[in-house]
N, C-alpha and C. Protein backbone atom coordinates (compact mmCIF):
# COMPACT_ATOMS: atom_id res chain seq x y z
N MET A 1 49.93 22.52 -111.03
CA MET A 1 49.30 23.61 -111.77
C MET A 1 48.11 23.06 -112.53
N GLY A 2 46.97 23.78 -112.49
CA GLY A 2 45.76 23.34 -113.16
C GLY A 2 45.85 23.54 -114.67
N LYS A 3 44.91 22.92 -115.36
CA LYS A 3 44.86 23.07 -116.81
C LYS A 3 44.38 24.46 -117.18
N PHE A 4 44.93 24.97 -118.26
CA PHE A 4 44.52 26.28 -118.75
C PHE A 4 43.14 26.18 -119.38
N LYS A 5 42.26 27.10 -119.01
CA LYS A 5 40.93 27.17 -119.61
C LYS A 5 40.79 28.52 -120.29
N ILE A 6 40.34 28.49 -121.51
CA ILE A 6 40.10 29.73 -122.23
C ILE A 6 38.91 30.43 -121.58
N PRO A 7 39.12 31.67 -121.12
CA PRO A 7 38.01 32.36 -120.45
C PRO A 7 36.90 32.73 -121.41
N SER A 8 35.68 32.70 -120.90
CA SER A 8 34.56 33.14 -121.72
C SER A 8 34.18 34.55 -121.30
N VAL A 9 33.77 35.32 -122.26
CA VAL A 9 33.34 36.70 -121.98
C VAL A 9 31.87 36.65 -121.60
N PRO A 10 31.52 37.19 -120.43
CA PRO A 10 30.11 37.14 -120.05
C PRO A 10 29.26 37.98 -121.00
N PRO A 11 28.02 37.58 -121.19
CA PRO A 11 27.16 38.37 -122.08
C PRO A 11 26.95 39.76 -121.47
N THR A 12 26.88 40.73 -122.32
CA THR A 12 26.69 42.11 -121.86
C THR A 12 25.58 42.78 -122.66
N SER A 13 25.06 43.85 -122.11
CA SER A 13 24.07 44.67 -122.79
C SER A 13 24.44 46.12 -122.57
N ASN A 14 24.10 46.96 -123.51
CA ASN A 14 24.34 48.39 -123.36
C ASN A 14 23.19 49.04 -122.61
N LYS A 15 23.53 49.91 -121.67
CA LYS A 15 22.56 50.72 -120.96
C LYS A 15 23.10 52.14 -120.95
N THR A 16 22.26 53.07 -121.25
CA THR A 16 22.67 54.47 -121.18
C THR A 16 22.14 55.04 -119.88
N ILE A 17 23.07 55.54 -119.07
CA ILE A 17 22.67 56.16 -117.81
C ILE A 17 23.34 57.52 -117.70
N ARG A 18 22.74 58.38 -116.94
CA ARG A 18 23.30 59.71 -116.72
C ARG A 18 23.88 59.77 -115.31
N PHE A 19 25.10 60.27 -115.23
CA PHE A 19 25.76 60.47 -113.95
C PHE A 19 25.88 61.96 -113.69
N PRO A 20 25.73 62.38 -112.45
CA PRO A 20 26.04 63.78 -112.13
C PRO A 20 27.52 64.03 -112.44
N ASN A 21 27.83 65.23 -112.87
CA ASN A 21 29.21 65.56 -113.26
C ASN A 21 30.20 65.31 -112.14
N ASP A 22 29.80 65.58 -110.89
CA ASP A 22 30.74 65.38 -109.79
C ASP A 22 31.06 63.90 -109.60
N VAL A 23 30.11 63.01 -109.89
CA VAL A 23 30.37 61.57 -109.79
C VAL A 23 31.34 61.15 -110.89
N ILE A 24 31.13 61.64 -112.09
CA ILE A 24 32.04 61.33 -113.20
C ILE A 24 33.46 61.78 -112.85
N GLU A 25 33.58 62.99 -112.35
CA GLU A 25 34.90 63.51 -111.98
C GLU A 25 35.53 62.66 -110.88
N GLY A 26 34.72 62.24 -109.91
CA GLY A 26 35.23 61.41 -108.82
C GLY A 26 35.75 60.08 -109.31
N VAL A 27 34.99 59.44 -110.20
CA VAL A 27 35.43 58.16 -110.75
C VAL A 27 36.69 58.36 -111.58
N GLU A 28 36.71 59.36 -112.43
CA GLU A 28 37.89 59.59 -113.27
C GLU A 28 39.12 59.88 -112.42
N ASN A 29 38.95 60.61 -111.33
CA ASN A 29 40.08 60.86 -110.43
C ASN A 29 40.54 59.58 -109.76
N ALA A 30 39.60 58.73 -109.38
CA ALA A 30 39.93 57.48 -108.69
C ALA A 30 40.71 56.52 -109.59
N ILE A 31 40.40 56.51 -110.89
CA ILE A 31 41.04 55.54 -111.79
C ILE A 31 42.23 56.12 -112.55
N ARG A 32 42.46 57.42 -112.40
CA ARG A 32 43.58 58.06 -113.11
C ARG A 32 44.89 57.36 -112.76
N GLY A 33 45.64 56.96 -113.78
CA GLY A 33 46.93 56.33 -113.59
C GLY A 33 46.85 54.85 -113.23
N LYS A 34 45.65 54.31 -113.21
CA LYS A 34 45.48 52.90 -112.90
C LYS A 34 45.00 52.15 -114.14
N ASP A 35 45.18 50.86 -114.13
CA ASP A 35 44.76 50.04 -115.26
C ASP A 35 43.30 49.67 -115.07
N CYS A 36 42.41 50.66 -115.21
CA CYS A 36 40.98 50.46 -114.98
C CYS A 36 40.21 51.41 -115.87
N THR A 37 39.14 50.91 -116.45
CA THR A 37 38.28 51.76 -117.27
C THR A 37 37.12 52.28 -116.41
N PHE A 38 36.46 53.30 -116.90
CA PHE A 38 35.29 53.85 -116.23
C PHE A 38 34.24 52.76 -116.05
N SER A 39 33.99 52.01 -117.11
CA SER A 39 32.99 50.95 -117.06
C SER A 39 33.36 49.88 -116.04
N ALA A 40 34.62 49.46 -116.02
CA ALA A 40 35.05 48.43 -115.08
C ALA A 40 34.86 48.91 -113.64
N PHE A 41 35.16 50.17 -113.37
CA PHE A 41 34.98 50.73 -112.03
C PHE A 41 33.51 50.72 -111.64
N VAL A 42 32.66 51.18 -112.54
CA VAL A 42 31.23 51.25 -112.25
C VAL A 42 30.66 49.85 -112.03
N ILE A 43 31.05 48.89 -112.85
CA ILE A 43 30.57 47.52 -112.70
C ILE A 43 30.98 46.96 -111.34
N ALA A 44 32.25 47.18 -110.95
CA ALA A 44 32.72 46.69 -109.66
C ALA A 44 31.97 47.37 -108.52
N ALA A 45 31.72 48.66 -108.64
CA ALA A 45 31.01 49.39 -107.59
C ALA A 45 29.56 48.91 -107.46
N VAL A 46 28.91 48.67 -108.58
CA VAL A 46 27.53 48.20 -108.54
C VAL A 46 27.48 46.79 -107.96
N ARG A 47 28.42 45.93 -108.35
CA ARG A 47 28.45 44.58 -107.78
C ARG A 47 28.65 44.63 -106.27
N ALA A 48 29.53 45.50 -105.80
CA ALA A 48 29.75 45.64 -104.36
C ALA A 48 28.49 46.13 -103.67
N ALA A 49 27.79 47.09 -104.28
CA ALA A 49 26.55 47.60 -103.69
C ALA A 49 25.49 46.51 -103.65
N LEU A 50 25.36 45.72 -104.71
CA LEU A 50 24.38 44.63 -104.73
C LEU A 50 24.71 43.59 -103.67
N GLN A 51 25.99 43.29 -103.50
CA GLN A 51 26.40 42.32 -102.47
C GLN A 51 26.06 42.87 -101.08
N ASP A 52 26.31 44.16 -100.85
CA ASP A 52 25.97 44.77 -99.55
C ASP A 52 24.47 44.66 -99.29
N LEU A 53 23.67 44.93 -100.29
CA LEU A 53 22.22 44.82 -100.13
C LEU A 53 21.80 43.39 -99.81
N GLN A 54 22.41 42.44 -100.50
CA GLN A 54 22.08 41.04 -100.27
C GLN A 54 22.50 40.64 -98.86
N ASP A 55 23.66 41.10 -98.42
CA ASP A 55 24.14 40.78 -97.07
C ASP A 55 23.21 41.36 -96.00
N GLU A 56 22.64 42.52 -96.26
CA GLU A 56 21.71 43.15 -95.31
C GLU A 56 20.42 42.35 -95.17
N GLU A 57 20.03 41.66 -96.24
CA GLU A 57 18.78 40.90 -96.24
C GLU A 57 18.89 39.61 -95.44
N THR A 58 20.11 39.13 -95.25
CA THR A 58 20.28 37.85 -94.54
C THR A 58 20.55 38.05 -93.08
């Protein structure tokens, strides 16, 4: 077993964005009953989209 390392919290910044109501409802439905926040879902979705774009470039 490896040594325990105290995790560091990545730096963050606040951004205000507007979502269409249907997108908000879709995300809320997707995370309902799961251990996931709206922000965590959006961050994961954006990271996946960025990775897809990067993969297309190569």
